[in-house]
Each structure stands twice: as structure tokens, then as C-alpha cells.
Amino acid sequence: MQSAVMKPALALYTTLFLVFLYAPFAILAILSFQTGPEGGPQFPIIEWSSYWYQHLFGLAPPSRVAPLPIGESLFRSMTLAFMTMIVSTVLGVMSAQAFRSRFKGSGIVFYLIVLGMMVPGVLVGLGMALVANFFGIDRHWWSTAFVLHVVYTFPFAFLVMLAIFNRFDKSVEEASWSLGVSPARTFRKVTFPLIFPGVLSAMLFAFTLSYDEFSRTLFASGRDLTLPLAIYGTFAVEIHPNVFAFGVLTTLFSFALLGVYAILMSLSVRRARRIAIQEE
């Protein structure tokens, strides 16, 4: 009886959660197809048009709505996210590897790492700005903002890899060592292929968190704006439909990243299974 009640309740809860999660995107997509060149959201749609998508790429006739500054800011955000992804993932793998063995002060080090994701971004960004001003350091997206992004995303990569290593069968490495293979070669040929799905997850976490980061970047990026800051500056006074169109394209880009992640994950899982079968 209890199971018969719980299943419909859980199904209803899941449905409502998905509606709550994706309803804003659906509304965003609908509003992005209103006609131009006048700005401002209107609902219901009087006339459907792809004007605002053309406006994003400079293909539409001039209007009172200025184009979004997505050129250089998009390049900065993508570059910053890529740099953060590489550094945070490498640090996460190395730190999780170190925590596979007990060492003195491991508890303190663990909480110091996790602290980076717990401290509010406004406080960290403001603190970085004050420290930079005190020492006369110029703030840039590739220096001070980059450091804050790594501090913020590194704990996520670390926790992902820590979970992966907690389920890792160490006997596979011991078998390789017993055959005279060096630890470095064992990690490269045996360990890394098996933990590669976790590495992909850590990379995805670091990239998406850095790409969308606002509060920490606001205080640490200096004059050069990243994409979230540039978009925020355009609709601080009035929201135009070109922002909706760009939001749809950004969301589709995120879904594309998830698709690539799923493909790479399936390939890595198949490879890990082949390695396990060969070892057996």
C-alpha cells in the first residue's frame, strides 16, 4: 500500500521539479522569437520572427537596441574557463591521489581545500580586490580572476576524484608494480584510463562553474569583462529580446557540452571494461 502511494508521489515530484527547472528556458525560447526591431519582451507573441538571432550576429537592420558585447567577452570567458578547467582538474587529480594514503594533517588539508567552495563569492572577490589594491597589483581576468576561479572550482574537482579513488581497486596497481612497472608508467597506462570518467566529470564541473561565475569575477577581473559581466551590464537598465536569444544559444551550447561529455564517458567506460577483461 505504501509503495503504491509513494511511486505516484515521487513521479509527481519529479515532474514538478523538471517543469520548475526547464520552464524558464521554454519561456526564454518563446520570447526570443518575437519580431523586431523594437525591444522589450511581449507576451503573447504577436508575430514570430528570427530577428533577434540575426541581431546577435549583425545580420539584422540597425535598431535602437545595441548589439550585445559578446565578441571579446565570450573569448575571455571561454579562455578563462579552459585555463581553470586544466589547472583545477590537474590539482584535483593530484590532491585526491595524495589522499589515498593517510598522512599527518590530512583532515586540516581536506577542510582547507573544501573551504574554497564554501566561502561566499562576494567575500572572496572583495578580499582579492583589497589585497590587489594594497600590493599595487593590477586586476585582470587572466591573473586575479583566474586565481579565484581555480580556488572555487578546485574543491569540486577534488571531491569528484576523491569519490572515484575511494571506489578504485588498488590491487590492479599492485599487480602492475609486482611486474616491475614503474609507478609513473602504472599511473599513465593503468590508473588513468580507469579513472578517466571521473576526470571528465571534474573537467566538466570546472569548466561550467568558471564559465558562469559572476560574483568572484566582478571584483577581480578589472576593466576587461567576461561574458556574464558583459551580459549583466546590458540589461541592468532594460532587458531586450536579444538577451533571450543569446540565452537560448548559450543553453544549447551547454547541452552540446553534455552530449560530448556523454560520448566521451561511454567511450571511456568501454575502454575500462576492455582493460578489466584483458586483466582477468
C-alpha atoms as a PDB file:
ATOM      1  CA  MET A   1       0.000   0.000   0.000  1.00  0.00           C
ATOM      2  CA  GLN A   2       2.795   2.384   0.932  1.00  0.00           C
ATOM      3  CA  SER A   3       4.672   1.568  -2.275  1.00  0.00           C
ATOM      4  CA  ALA A   4       1.550   2.218  -4.345  1.00  0.00           C
ATOM      5  CA  VAL A   5       1.288   5.700  -2.832  1.00  0.00           C
ATOM      6  CA  MET A   6       4.985   6.548  -2.945  1.00  0.00           C
ATOM      7  CA  LYS A   7       5.526   5.824  -6.646  1.00  0.00           C
ATOM      8  CA  PRO A   8       2.881   8.298  -7.913  1.00  0.00           C
ATOM      9  CA  ALA A   9       4.066  10.866  -5.358  1.00  0.00           C
ATOM     10  CA  LEU A  10       7.667  10.547  -6.491  1.00  0.00           C
ATOM     11  CA  ALA A  11       6.580  10.702 -10.144  1.00  0.00           C
ATOM     12  CA  LEU A  12       4.598  13.881  -9.457  1.00  0.00           C
ATOM     13  CA  TYR A  13       7.505  15.413  -7.545  1.00  0.00           C
ATOM     14  CA  THR A  14       9.915  14.589 -10.393  1.00  0.00           C
ATOM     15  CA  THR A  15       7.543  16.075 -12.959  1.00  0.00           C
ATOM     16  CA  LEU A  16       7.101  19.287 -10.981  1.00  0.00           C
ATOM     17  CA  PHE A  17      10.861  19.541 -10.488  1.00  0.00           C
ATOM     18  CA  LEU A  18      11.512  19.184 -14.228  1.00  0.00           C
ATOM     19  CA  VAL A  19       8.835  21.759 -15.020  1.00  0.00           C
ATOM     20  CA  PHE A  20      10.349  24.158 -12.491  1.00  0.00           C
ATOM     21  CA  LEU A  21      13.810  23.534 -13.957  1.00  0.00           C
ATOM     22  CA  TYR A  22      13.030  23.886 -17.661  1.00  0.00           C
ATOM     23  CA  ALA A  23      10.012  26.213 -17.713  1.00  0.00           C
ATOM     24  CA  PRO A  24      12.206  29.360 -17.631  1.00  0.00           C
ATOM     25  CA  PHE A  25      14.156  28.075 -20.631  1.00  0.00           C
ATOM     26  CA  ALA A  26      10.921  27.415 -22.533  1.00  0.00           C
ATOM     27  CA  ILE A  27       9.662  30.943 -21.814  1.00  0.00           C
ATOM     28  CA  LEU A  28      13.057  32.333 -22.790  1.00  0.00           C
ATOM     29  CA  ALA A  29      12.927  30.466 -26.094  1.00  0.00           C
ATOM     30  CA  ILE A  30       9.399  31.694 -26.858  1.00  0.00           C
ATOM     31  CA  LEU A  31      10.221  35.332 -26.133  1.00  0.00           C
ATOM     32  CA  SER A  32      13.359  35.164 -28.269  1.00  0.00           C
ATOM     33  CA  PHE A  33      11.259  34.639 -31.419  1.00  0.00           C
ATOM     34  CA  GLN A  34       9.245  37.856 -31.201  1.00  0.00           C
ATOM     35  CA  THR A  35       9.524  40.293 -34.060  1.00  0.00           C
ATOM     36  CA  GLY A  36      11.908  43.271 -34.160  1.00  0.00           C
ATOM     37  CA  PRO A  37      13.330  45.828 -34.278  1.00  0.00           C
ATOM     38  CA  GLU A  38      11.586  47.270 -31.198  1.00  0.00           C
ATOM     39  CA  GLY A  39      12.931  45.968 -27.920  1.00  0.00           C
ATOM     40  CA  GLY A  40      11.208  44.776 -24.792  1.00  0.00           C
ATOM     41  CA  PRO A  41       9.568  41.418 -24.033  1.00  0.00           C
ATOM     42  CA  GLN A  42       5.964  40.947 -25.099  1.00  0.00           C
ATOM     43  CA  PHE A  43       3.642  38.043 -24.430  1.00  0.00           C
ATOM     44  CA  PRO A  44       1.720  36.537 -26.103  1.00  0.00           C
ATOM     45  CA  ILE A  45       3.807  36.748 -29.270  1.00  0.00           C
ATOM     46  CA  ILE A  46       2.098  38.923 -31.895  1.00  0.00           C
ATOM     47  CA  GLU A  47       4.388  37.948 -34.749  1.00  0.00           C
ATOM     48  CA  TRP A  48       7.064  35.270 -34.845  1.00  0.00           C
ATOM     49  CA  SER A  49      10.469  36.138 -36.218  1.00  0.00           C
ATOM     50  CA  SER A  50      14.148  35.189 -36.023  1.00  0.00           C
ATOM     51  CA  TYR A  51      15.122  38.871 -35.985  1.00  0.00           C
ATOM     52  CA  TRP A  52      16.902  38.789 -32.625  1.00  0.00           C
ATOM     53  CA  TYR A  53      19.043  35.815 -33.613  1.00  0.00           C
ATOM     54  CA  GLN A  54      20.074  37.733 -36.719  1.00  0.00           C
ATOM     55  CA  HIS A  55      20.675  40.756 -34.484  1.00  0.00           C
ATOM     56  CA  LEU A  56      23.196  38.767 -32.427  1.00  0.00           C
ATOM     57  CA  PHE A  57      25.362  38.108 -35.480  1.00  0.00           C
ATOM     58  CA  GLY A  58      24.981  41.575 -37.014  1.00  0.00           C
ATOM     59  CA  LEU A  59      22.715  40.366 -39.844  1.00  0.00           C
ATOM     60  CA  ALA A  60      19.640  42.435 -38.909  1.00  0.00           C
ATOM     61  CA  PRO A  61      18.943  46.069 -39.870  1.00  0.00           C
ATOM     62  CA  PRO A  62      20.081  48.667 -37.306  1.00  0.00           C
ATOM     63  CA  SER A  63      17.707  49.380 -34.417  1.00  0.00           C
ATOM     64  CA  ARG A  64      17.698  51.312 -31.171  1.00  0.00           C
ATOM     65  CA  VAL A  65      18.846  48.153 -29.377  1.00  0.00           C
ATOM     66  CA  ALA A  66      22.630  47.986 -29.312  1.00  0.00           C
ATOM     67  CA  PRO A  67      24.312  44.672 -30.179  1.00  0.00           C
ATOM     68  CA  LEU A  68      25.412  42.532 -27.272  1.00  0.00           C
ATOM     69  CA  PRO A  69      29.132  42.835 -26.449  1.00  0.00           C
ATOM     70  CA  ILE A  70      29.723  39.110 -26.798  1.00  0.00           C
ATOM     71  CA  GLY A  71      32.819  39.100 -29.002  1.00  0.00           C
ATOM     72  CA  GLU A  72      35.805  39.727 -26.755  1.00  0.00           C
ATOM     73  CA  SER A  73      33.911  38.892 -23.564  1.00  0.00           C
ATOM     74  CA  LEU A  74      32.969  35.458 -24.921  1.00  0.00           C
ATOM     75  CA  PHE A  75      36.600  34.812 -25.840  1.00  0.00           C
ATOM     76  CA  ARG A  76      37.703  35.822 -22.341  1.00  0.00           C
ATOM     77  CA  SER A  77      35.134  33.587 -20.657  1.00  0.00           C
ATOM     78  CA  MET A  78      35.963  30.596 -22.842  1.00  0.00           C
ATOM     79  CA  THR A  79      39.711  31.050 -22.349  1.00  0.00           C
ATOM     80  CA  LEU A  80      39.341  31.579 -18.614  1.00  0.00           C
ATOM     81  CA  ALA A  81      37.084  28.540 -18.277  1.00  0.00           C
ATOM     82  CA  PHE A  82      39.528  26.388 -20.263  1.00  0.00           C
ATOM     83  CA  MET A  83      42.510  27.532 -18.189  1.00  0.00           C
ATOM     84  CA  THR A  84      40.583  26.937 -14.975  1.00  0.00           C
ATOM     85  CA  MET A  85      39.442  23.509 -16.160  1.00  0.00           C
ATOM     86  CA  ILE A  86      43.000  22.346 -16.869  1.00  0.00           C
ATOM     87  CA  VAL A  87      44.549  23.633 -13.648  1.00  0.00           C
ATOM     88  CA  SER A  88      41.690  22.607 -11.345  1.00  0.00           C
ATOM     89  CA  THR A  89      41.470  19.127 -12.827  1.00  0.00           C
ATOM     90  CA  VAL A  90      45.215  18.532 -12.532  1.00  0.00           C
ATOM     91  CA  LEU A  91      45.208  19.781  -8.942  1.00  0.00           C
ATOM     92  CA  GLY A  92      42.116  17.720  -8.162  1.00  0.00           C
ATOM     93  CA  VAL A  93      43.668  14.501  -9.501  1.00  0.00           C
ATOM     94  CA  MET A  94      46.977  15.116  -7.715  1.00  0.00           C
ATOM     95  CA  SER A  95      45.302  16.011  -4.401  1.00  0.00           C
ATOM     96  CA  ALA A  96      42.932  13.042  -4.493  1.00  0.00           C
ATOM     97  CA  GLN A  97      45.870  10.775  -5.337  1.00  0.00           C
ATOM     98  CA  ALA A  98      47.715  12.113  -2.288  1.00  0.00           C
ATOM     99  CA  PHE A  99      44.705  11.422  -0.053  1.00  0.00           C
ATOM    100  CA  ARG A 100      44.742   7.744  -0.964  1.00  0.00           C
ATOM    101  CA  SER A 101      47.363   7.358   1.762  1.00  0.00           C
ATOM    102  CA  ARG A 102      46.918   8.647   5.295  1.00  0.00           C
ATOM    103  CA  PHE A 103      49.287  11.445   6.229  1.00  0.00           C
ATOM    104  CA  LYS A 104      49.651  13.775   9.166  1.00  0.00           C
ATOM    105  CA  GLY A 105      47.346  16.776   8.959  1.00  0.00           C
ATOM    106  CA  SER A 106      45.176  15.287   6.212  1.00  0.00           C
ATOM    107  CA  GLY A 107      41.993  16.440   7.963  1.00  0.00           C
ATOM    108  CA  ILE A 108      43.153  20.049   8.113  1.00  0.00           C
ATOM    109  CA  VAL A 109      44.269  19.979   4.475  1.00  0.00           C
ATOM    110  CA  PHE A 110      40.921  18.494   3.429  1.00  0.00           C
ATOM    111  CA  TYR A 111      38.906  21.264   5.050  1.00  0.00           C
ATOM    112  CA  LEU A 112      41.261  23.933   3.713  1.00  0.00           C
ATOM    113  CA  ILE A 113      40.631  22.654   0.180  1.00  0.00           C
ATOM    114  CA  VAL A 114      36.859  22.418   0.630  1.00  0.00           C
ATOM    115  CA  LEU A 115      36.793  25.904   2.165  1.00  0.00           C
ATOM    116  CA  GLY A 116      37.272  27.383  -1.306  1.00  0.00           C
ATOM    117  CA  MET A 117      33.787  26.303  -2.371  1.00  0.00           C
ATOM    118  CA  MET A 118      32.097  27.243   0.909  1.00  0.00           C
ATOM    119  CA  VAL A 119      33.168  30.866   1.358  1.00  0.00           C
ATOM    120  CA  PRO A 120      30.716  33.285  -0.346  1.00  0.00           C
ATOM    121  CA  GLY A 121      31.996  34.523  -3.691  1.00  0.00           C
ATOM    122  CA  VAL A 122      31.334  38.167  -2.855  1.00  0.00           C
ATOM    123  CA  LEU A 123      33.603  37.989   0.194  1.00  0.00           C
ATOM    124  CA  VAL A 124      36.379  36.185  -1.675  1.00  0.00           C
ATOM    125  CA  GLY A 125      36.177  38.582  -4.631  1.00  0.00           C
ATOM    126  CA  LEU A 126      36.173  41.630  -2.391  1.00  0.00           C
ATOM    127  CA  GLY A 127      39.095  40.248  -0.407  1.00  0.00           C
ATOM    128  CA  MET A 128      41.096  39.652  -3.584  1.00  0.00           C
ATOM    129  CA  ALA A 129      40.354  43.193  -4.759  1.00  0.00           C
ATOM    130  CA  LEU A 130      41.507  44.660  -1.438  1.00  0.00           C
ATOM    131  CA  VAL A 131      44.699  42.572  -1.418  1.00  0.00           C
ATOM    132  CA  ALA A 132      45.476  43.511  -5.030  1.00  0.00           C
ATOM    133  CA  ASN A 133      44.954  47.204  -4.302  1.00  0.00           C
ATOM    134  CA  PHE A 134      47.080  47.020  -1.165  1.00  0.00           C
ATOM    135  CA  PHE A 135      50.053  45.479  -3.002  1.00  0.00           C
ATOM    136  CA  GLY A 136      49.526  47.520  -6.155  1.00  0.00           C
ATOM    137  CA  ILE A 137      48.661  44.504  -8.334  1.00  0.00           C
ATOM    138  CA  ASP A 138      46.636  45.166 -11.456  1.00  0.00           C
ATOM    139  CA  ARG A 139      43.445  43.100 -11.630  1.00  0.00           C
ATOM    140  CA  HIS A 140      42.870  41.131 -14.828  1.00  0.00           C
ATOM    141  CA  TRP A 141      40.718  38.199 -15.877  1.00  0.00           C
ATOM    142  CA  TRP A 142      43.828  36.131 -16.642  1.00  0.00           C
ATOM    143  CA  SER A 143      45.520  36.773 -13.257  1.00  0.00           C
ATOM    144  CA  THR A 144      43.482  37.680 -10.188  1.00  0.00           C
ATOM    145  CA  ALA A 145      40.172  36.380 -11.557  1.00  0.00           C
ATOM    146  CA  PHE A 146      41.891  33.201 -12.729  1.00  0.00           C
ATOM    147  CA  VAL A 147      43.258  32.544  -9.242  1.00  0.00           C
ATOM    148  CA  LEU A 148      39.801  32.936  -7.698  1.00  0.00           C
ATOM    149  CA  HIS A 149      38.233  30.654 -10.301  1.00  0.00           C
ATOM    150  CA  VAL A 150      40.788  27.942  -9.530  1.00  0.00           C
ATOM    151  CA  VAL A 151      40.237  28.347  -5.786  1.00  0.00           C
ATOM    152  CA  TYR A 152      36.487  27.979  -6.373  1.00  0.00           C
ATOM    153  CA  THR A 153      36.474  25.061  -8.840  1.00  0.00           C
ATOM    154  CA  PHE A 154      39.409  23.072  -7.469  1.00  0.00           C
ATOM    155  CA  PRO A 155      37.403  21.692  -4.486  1.00  0.00           C
ATOM    156  CA  PHE A 156      34.711  20.348  -6.831  1.00  0.00           C
ATOM    157  CA  ALA A 157      37.301  18.548  -8.949  1.00  0.00           C
ATOM    158  CA  PHE A 158      38.981  17.265  -5.793  1.00  0.00           C
ATOM    159  CA  LEU A 159      35.756  15.830  -4.338  1.00  0.00           C
ATOM    160  CA  VAL A 160      34.859  14.152  -7.625  1.00  0.00           C
ATOM    161  CA  MET A 161      38.261  12.498  -7.891  1.00  0.00           C
ATOM    162  CA  LEU A 162      38.226  11.589  -4.189  1.00  0.00           C
ATOM    163  CA  ALA A 163      34.985   9.674  -4.739  1.00  0.00           C
ATOM    164  CA  ILE A 164      36.488   7.937  -7.774  1.00  0.00           C
ATOM    165  CA  PHE A 165      39.620   6.871  -5.897  1.00  0.00           C
ATOM    166  CA  ASN A 166      37.565   5.626  -2.929  1.00  0.00           C
ATOM    167  CA  ARG A 167      35.994   3.030  -5.261  1.00  0.00           C
ATOM    168  CA  PHE A 168      39.256   2.254  -7.047  1.00  0.00           C
ATOM    169  CA  ASP A 169      40.653  -1.286  -6.795  1.00  0.00           C
ATOM    170  CA  LYS A 170      44.256  -0.827  -5.719  1.00  0.00           C
ATOM    171  CA  SER A 171      45.113  -4.436  -6.485  1.00  0.00           C
ATOM    172  CA  VAL A 172      45.274  -3.524 -10.180  1.00  0.00           C
ATOM    173  CA  GLU A 173      48.152  -1.146  -9.473  1.00  0.00           C
ATOM    174  CA  GLU A 174      49.838  -3.629  -7.149  1.00  0.00           C
ATOM    175  CA  ALA A 175      49.775  -6.247  -9.900  1.00  0.00           C
ATOM    176  CA  SER A 176      51.480  -3.805 -12.238  1.00  0.00           C
ATOM    177  CA  TRP A 177      54.101  -2.907  -9.646  1.00  0.00           C
ATOM    178  CA  SER A 178      54.799  -6.580  -8.980  1.00  0.00           C
ATOM    179  CA  LEU A 179      55.685  -6.967 -12.663  1.00  0.00           C
ATOM    180  CA  GLY A 180      58.360  -4.290 -12.322  1.00  0.00           C
ATOM    181  CA  VAL A 181      56.434  -1.431 -13.932  1.00  0.00           C
ATOM    182  CA  SER A 182      57.336   1.985 -12.519  1.00  0.00           C
ATOM    183  CA  PRO A 183      54.676   3.953 -10.559  1.00  0.00           C
ATOM    184  CA  ALA A 184      54.642   6.712 -13.182  1.00  0.00           C
ATOM    185  CA  ARG A 185      54.056   4.271 -16.042  1.00  0.00           C
ATOM    186  CA  THR A 186      51.477   2.402 -13.972  1.00  0.00           C
ATOM    187  CA  PHE A 187      49.532   5.584 -13.409  1.00  0.00           C
ATOM    188  CA  ARG A 188      49.702   6.505 -17.095  1.00  0.00           C
ATOM    189  CA  LYS A 189      48.861   3.080 -18.518  1.00  0.00           C
ATOM    190  CA  VAL A 190      46.651   1.523 -15.819  1.00  0.00           C
ATOM    191  CA  THR A 191      45.300   4.015 -13.300  1.00  0.00           C
ATOM    192  CA  PHE A 192      44.475   6.946 -15.536  1.00  0.00           C
ATOM    193  CA  PRO A 193      42.375   5.001 -18.079  1.00  0.00           C
ATOM    194  CA  LEU A 194      40.306   3.602 -15.202  1.00  0.00           C
ATOM    195  CA  ILE A 195      39.719   6.972 -13.539  1.00  0.00           C
ATOM    196  CA  PHE A 196      39.198   8.850 -16.802  1.00  0.00           C
ATOM    197  CA  PRO A 197      35.384   9.041 -16.378  1.00  0.00           C
ATOM    198  CA  GLY A 198      35.952  10.878 -13.107  1.00  0.00           C
ATOM    199  CA  VAL A 199      38.487  13.153 -14.781  1.00  0.00           C
ATOM    200  CA  LEU A 200      35.874  14.034 -17.401  1.00  0.00           C
ATOM    201  CA  SER A 201      33.371  14.854 -14.664  1.00  0.00           C
ATOM    202  CA  ALA A 202      35.893  17.057 -12.879  1.00  0.00           C
ATOM    203  CA  MET A 203      36.690  18.862 -16.135  1.00  0.00           C
ATOM    204  CA  LEU A 204      33.001  19.469 -16.826  1.00  0.00           C
ATOM    205  CA  PHE A 205      32.441  20.814 -13.313  1.00  0.00           C
ATOM    206  CA  ALA A 206      35.411  23.164 -13.507  1.00  0.00           C
ATOM    207  CA  PHE A 207      34.582  24.466 -16.985  1.00  0.00           C
ATOM    208  CA  THR A 208      30.886  25.172 -16.367  1.00  0.00           C
ATOM    209  CA  LEU A 209      31.423  26.716 -12.938  1.00  0.00           C
ATOM    210  CA  SER A 210      34.132  29.022 -14.260  1.00  0.00           C
ATOM    211  CA  TYR A 211      32.196  29.937 -17.415  1.00  0.00           C
ATOM    212  CA  ASP A 212      29.148  31.062 -15.394  1.00  0.00           C
ATOM    213  CA  GLU A 213      30.966  32.618 -12.436  1.00  0.00           C
ATOM    214  CA  PHE A 214      29.836  36.168 -11.663  1.00  0.00           C
ATOM    215  CA  SER A 215      30.409  37.337  -8.094  1.00  0.00           C
ATOM    216  CA  ARG A 216      34.094  36.431  -7.835  1.00  0.00           C
ATOM    217  CA  THR A 217      34.825  37.771 -11.314  1.00  0.00           C
ATOM    218  CA  LEU A 218      33.014  41.034 -10.621  1.00  0.00           C
ATOM    219  CA  PHE A 219      35.642  42.194  -8.135  1.00  0.00           C
ATOM    220  CA  ALA A 220      38.735  40.543  -9.605  1.00  0.00           C
ATOM    221  CA  SER A 221      38.555  40.929 -13.391  1.00  0.00           C
ATOM    222  CA  GLY A 222      39.389  44.644 -13.567  1.00  0.00           C
ATOM    223  CA  ARG A 223      38.395  46.541 -16.706  1.00  0.00           C
ATOM    224  CA  ASP A 224      38.148  43.530 -19.004  1.00  0.00           C
ATOM    225  CA  LEU A 225      34.689  41.995 -18.697  1.00  0.00           C
ATOM    226  CA  THR A 226      33.882  38.336 -19.020  1.00  0.00           C
ATOM    227  CA  LEU A 227      30.647  37.209 -20.649  1.00  0.00           C
ATOM    228  CA  PRO A 228      28.441  37.139 -17.503  1.00  0.00           C
ATOM    229  CA  LEU A 229      29.589  40.648 -16.567  1.00  0.00           C
ATOM    230  CA  ALA A 230      29.067  41.967 -20.097  1.00  0.00           C
ATOM    231  CA  ILE A 231      25.560  40.499 -20.316  1.00  0.00           C
ATOM    232  CA  TYR A 232      24.672  41.881 -16.894  1.00  0.00           C
ATOM    233  CA  GLY A 233      25.788  45.336 -17.987  1.00  0.00           C
ATOM    234  CA  THR A 234      23.463  45.273 -20.999  1.00  0.00           C
ATOM    235  CA  PHE A 235      20.225  44.542 -19.135  1.00  0.00           C
ATOM    236  CA  ALA A 236      20.939  46.438 -15.913  1.00  0.00           C
ATOM    237  CA  VAL A 237      18.557  49.138 -17.186  1.00  0.00           C
ATOM    238  CA  GLU A 238      16.296  47.376 -19.722  1.00  0.00           C
ATOM    239  CA  ILE A 239      16.007  43.805 -20.944  1.00  0.00           C
ATOM    240  CA  HIS A 240      15.877  43.326 -24.715  1.00  0.00           C
ATOM    241  CA  PRO A 241      14.944  40.167 -26.649  1.00  0.00           C
ATOM    242  CA  ASN A 242      18.480  39.746 -27.971  1.00  0.00           C
ATOM    243  CA  VAL A 243      19.403  38.668 -24.431  1.00  0.00           C
ATOM    244  CA  PHE A 244      16.738  35.952 -24.651  1.00  0.00           C
ATOM    245  CA  ALA A 245      18.123  34.769 -27.988  1.00  0.00           C
ATOM    246  CA  PHE A 246      21.636  34.654 -26.603  1.00  0.00           C
ATOM    247  CA  GLY A 247      20.369  32.759 -23.548  1.00  0.00           C
ATOM    248  CA  VAL A 248      18.840  30.118 -25.806  1.00  0.00           C
ATOM    249  CA  LEU A 249      22.079  29.721 -27.771  1.00  0.00           C
ATOM    250  CA  THR A 250      24.094  29.512 -24.545  1.00  0.00           C
ATOM    251  CA  THR A 251      21.782  26.834 -23.168  1.00  0.00           C
ATOM    252  CA  LEU A 252      22.043  24.839 -26.398  1.00  0.00           C
ATOM    253  CA  PHE A 253      25.826  25.146 -26.116  1.00  0.00           C
ATOM    254  CA  SER A 254      25.621  23.701 -22.602  1.00  0.00           C
ATOM    255  CA  PHE A 255      23.523  20.800 -23.878  1.00  0.00           C
ATOM    256  CA  ALA A 256      26.109  20.236 -26.611  1.00  0.00           C
ATOM    257  CA  LEU A 257      28.837  20.049 -23.952  1.00  0.00           C
ATOM    258  CA  LEU A 258      26.778  17.472 -22.074  1.00  0.00           C
ATOM    259  CA  GLY A 259      26.402  15.493 -25.292  1.00  0.00           C
ATOM    260  CA  VAL A 260      30.154  15.481 -25.875  1.00  0.00           C
ATOM    261  CA  TYR A 261      30.647  14.541 -22.224  1.00  0.00           C
ATOM    262  CA  ALA A 262      28.224  11.618 -22.581  1.00  0.00           C
ATOM    263  CA  ILE A 263      30.007  10.347 -25.695  1.00  0.00           C
ATOM    264  CA  LEU A 264      33.445  10.569 -24.095  1.00  0.00           C
ATOM    265  CA  MET A 265      32.118   8.962 -20.932  1.00  0.00           C
ATOM    266  CA  SER A 266      30.664   5.999 -22.821  1.00  0.00           C
ATOM    267  CA  LEU A 267      33.920   5.536 -24.742  1.00  0.00           C
ATOM    268  CA  SER A 268      35.996   5.663 -21.559  1.00  0.00           C
ATOM    269  CA  VAL A 269      33.706   3.174 -19.800  1.00  0.00           C
ATOM    270  CA  ARG A 270      34.021   0.767 -22.717  1.00  0.00           C
ATOM    271  CA  ARG A 271      37.787   1.138 -22.654  1.00  0.00           C
ATOM    272  CA  ALA A 272      37.895   0.489 -18.901  1.00  0.00           C
ATOM    273  CA  ARG A 273      35.803  -2.653 -19.388  1.00  0.00           C
ATOM    274  CA  ARG A 274      38.157  -3.894 -22.087  1.00  0.00           C
ATOM    275  CA  ILE A 275      41.133  -3.333 -19.777  1.00  0.00           C
ATOM    276  CA  ALA A 276      39.379  -5.210 -16.966  1.00  0.00           C
ATOM    277  CA  ILE A 277      38.579  -8.140 -19.281  1.00  0.00           C
ATOM    278  CA  GLN A 278      42.194  -8.306 -20.500  1.00  0.00           C
ATOM    279  CA  GLU A 279      43.490  -8.327 -16.917  1.00  0.00           C
ATOM    280  CA  GLU A 280      41.132 -11.150 -15.964  1.00  0.00           C
END
